[in-house]
Protein backbone atom coordinates (compact mmCIF):
# COMPACT_ATOMS: atom_id res chain seq x y z
CA UNK A 1 -22.71 1.76 -19.47
CA UNK A 2 -25.22 4.12 -18.66
CA UNK A 3 -29.19 3.98 -17.86
CA UNK A 4 -30.84 1.21 -16.60
CA UNK A 5 -29.44 -1.24 -14.25
CA UNK A 6 -31.16 -4.90 -13.19
CA UNK A 7 -30.91 -7.47 -10.90
CA UNK A 8 -32.17 -9.22 -7.94
CA UNK A 9 -31.92 -11.38 -4.76
CA UNK A 10 -30.34 -15.31 -4.91
CA UNK A 11 -33.75 -16.56 -4.61
CA UNK A 12 -35.71 -13.91 -7.02
CA UNK A 13 -38.06 -12.64 -4.18
CA UNK A 14 -36.44 -9.00 -5.17
CA UNK A 15 -35.92 -7.46 -8.57
CA UNK A 16 -34.45 -4.01 -9.30
CA UNK A 17 -33.91 -1.58 -11.48
CA UNK A 18 -31.49 1.05 -11.14
CA UNK A 19 -31.87 4.08 -13.24
CA UNK A 20 -28.65 6.15 -13.13
CA UNK A 21 -25.01 6.04 -14.23
CA UNK A 22 -21.75 4.31 -12.13
CA UNK A 23 -19.84 7.11 -10.44
CA UNK A 24 -17.35 5.03 -8.69
CA UNK A 25 -16.78 0.75 -8.50
CA UNK A 26 -14.70 -0.60 -5.52
CA UNK A 27 -13.53 -3.36 -3.55
CA UNK A 28 -13.48 -2.73 0.63
CA UNK A 29 -11.46 -5.50 2.29
CA UNK A 30 -12.28 -4.34 5.84
CA UNK A 31 -13.53 -6.86 8.02
CA UNK A 32 -17.09 -5.36 8.42
CA UNK A 33 -17.22 -5.98 4.57
CA UNK A 34 -15.66 -9.71 4.89
CA UNK A 35 -18.40 -10.53 7.37
CA UNK A 36 -20.93 -8.93 5.60
CA UNK A 37 -20.20 -10.66 2.27
CA UNK A 38 -19.07 -13.97 3.52
CA UNK A 39 -16.03 -13.60 1.48
CA UNK A 40 -12.57 -12.06 1.35
CA UNK A 41 -13.60 -8.70 0.27
CA UNK A 42 -17.11 -6.55 -0.27
CA UNK A 43 -17.86 -4.48 -3.51
CA UNK A 44 -19.77 -1.42 -4.84
CA UNK A 45 -21.21 -0.03 -7.36
CA UNK A 46 -21.92 3.40 -6.09
CA UNK A 47 -24.48 5.52 -8.23
CA UNK A 48 -25.06 8.85 -7.69
CA UNK A 49 -27.77 10.52 -7.59
CA UNK A 50 -29.54 7.11 -8.51
CA UNK A 51 -33.05 6.12 -8.68
CA UNK A 52 -33.92 2.50 -7.57
CA UNK A 53 -37.52 1.10 -8.25
CA UNK A 54 -37.85 -2.44 -6.46
CA UNK A 55 -40.08 -5.04 -8.13
CA UNK A 56 -41.75 -8.22 -6.34
CA UNK A 57 -41.33 -7.90 -2.55
CA UNK A 58 -39.85 -5.48 -0.52
CA UNK A 59 -36.56 -5.48 1.30
CA UNK A 60 -35.97 -5.31 4.37
CA UNK A 61 -33.15 -3.34 6.37
CA UNK A 62 -31.02 -2.59 9.39
CA UNK A 63 -29.25 0.73 10.35
CA UNK A 64 -25.58 0.04 10.61
CA UNK A 65 -24.51 3.09 12.87
CA UNK A 66 -20.98 5.01 11.74
CA UNK A 67 -19.21 8.25 12.96
CA UNK A 68 -21.05 11.05 11.19
CA UNK A 69 -23.33 9.23 8.48
CA UNK A 70 -24.84 5.88 8.95
CA UNK A 71 -26.15 3.69 6.31
CA UNK A 72 -29.49 1.80 5.78
CA UNK A 73 -28.33 -2.07 4.79
CA UNK A 74 -31.49 -3.41 2.53
CA UNK A 75 -31.46 -7.42 2.06
CA UNK A 76 -34.22 -10.11 0.69
CA UNK A 77 -36.52 -11.26 3.56
CA UNK A 78 -36.39 -14.67 2.45
CA UNK A 79 -32.78 -15.51 1.21
CA UNK A 80 -30.96 -12.39 3.45
CA UNK A 81 -29.36 -11.68 0.18
CA UNK A 82 -27.64 -7.82 0.59
CA UNK A 83 -28.88 -5.88 -2.29
CA UNK A 84 -27.98 -2.21 -1.64
CA UNK A 85 -27.27 0.36 1.38
CA UNK A 86 -27.70 3.85 1.33
CA UNK A 87 -25.56 6.47 3.72
CA UNK A 88 -27.32 9.19 5.57
CA UNK A 89 -26.82 11.68 8.13
CA UNK A 90 -28.55 14.45 10.39
CA UNK A 91 -29.17 16.16 7.46
CA UNK A 92 -31.07 13.22 5.30
CA UNK A 93 -29.65 10.83 2.72
CA UNK A 94 -26.33 10.92 1.45
CA UNK A 95 -27.10 11.12 -2.72
CA UNK A 96 -24.77 7.82 -3.47
CA UNK A 97 -26.65 4.41 -3.56
CA UNK A 98 -24.12 1.64 -2.74
CA UNK A 99 -25.16 -1.24 -4.97
CA UNK A 100 -23.33 -4.70 -4.45
CA UNK A 101 -22.81 -5.44 -7.89
CA UNK A 102 -22.61 -9.65 -7.82
CA UNK A 103 -26.77 -8.98 -7.33
CA UNK A 104 -26.63 -7.39 -10.94
CA UNK A 105 -27.72 -9.67 -14.23
CA UNK A 106 -25.03 -8.40 -16.17
CA UNK A 107 -22.19 -8.67 -14.40
CA UNK A 108 -19.60 -8.71 -17.47
CA UNK A 109 -18.28 -4.62 -16.96
CA UNK A 110 -17.19 -4.72 -13.61
CA UNK A 111 -13.68 -4.25 -12.64
CA UNK A 112 -13.03 -1.97 -9.30
CA UNK A 113 -11.42 0.99 -9.44
CA UNK A 114 -9.42 0.66 -6.56
CA UNK A 115 -9.00 -1.47 -3.74
CA UNK A 116 -9.38 -0.26 -0.10
CA UNK A 117 -8.45 -1.48 3.17
CA UNK A 118 -6.17 -4.35 1.79
CA UNK A 119 -4.16 -4.29 5.27
CA UNK A 120 -6.51 -6.57 6.58
CA UNK A 121 -6.80 -8.34 3.11
CA UNK A 122 -6.76 -11.98 3.07
CA UNK A 123 -3.39 -14.31 2.99
CA UNK A 124 -3.82 -15.47 -1.11
CA UNK A 125 -5.36 -12.18 -2.15
CA UNK A 126 -3.02 -10.53 -4.63
CA UNK A 127 -3.92 -7.41 -6.91
CA UNK A 128 -2.42 -6.72 -10.22
CA UNK A 129 0.17 -4.19 -10.82
CA UNK A 130 -2.09 -1.49 -11.96
CA UNK A 131 -4.46 -1.74 -8.83
CA UNK A 132 -4.77 1.28 -7.20
CA UNK A 133 -4.67 0.34 -3.82
CA UNK A 134 -5.27 2.09 0.00
CA UNK A 135 -4.46 0.35 2.99
CA UNK A 136 -6.83 2.12 4.63
CA UNK A 137 -10.17 4.27 3.77
CA UNK A 138 -9.41 6.86 1.14
CA UNK A 139 -10.50 10.55 1.14
CA UNK A 140 -13.29 10.50 -1.17
CA UNK A 141 -11.47 12.64 -4.16
CA UNK A 142 -8.72 9.78 -3.79
CA UNK A 143 -11.05 7.14 -5.18
CA UNK A 144 -11.15 6.72 -9.12
CA UNK A 145 -14.45 7.57 -11.36
CA UNK A 146 -15.68 5.01 -12.83
CA UNK A 147 -14.75 5.52 -16.95
CA UNK A 148 -16.45 2.97 -18.70
CA UNK A 149 -18.96 2.68 -21.19
């Protein structure tokens, strides 16, 4: 898939269109993503140099500080659904938009290219024999690129 992706929050107050092509899709099993998603893991569709247009209510955000880079985490003001986050550092925005794929209208094409931080995977989470698995944070060049349509 390439082009324009549509989605929104749980209550429908925030709607968006992302223009671009996915670069990577992953499932993260770190404790931060577990807490943020309220589930066993979080997922991200990473778009490089993408543009996002917001319709309806503008999302609120908070900053999650990190080492060397931080993230502005955008969510619906009304229902709290996390929509996306944008990494940045002292030089400005890093050109990757991390979209929460459960907010997409069409999720039929989603399949993580890898699973990371699996040392924190919840009991009962299993992986297929062909899944790419990293016990911790992989180096950027190790993350498989999205090769779907």
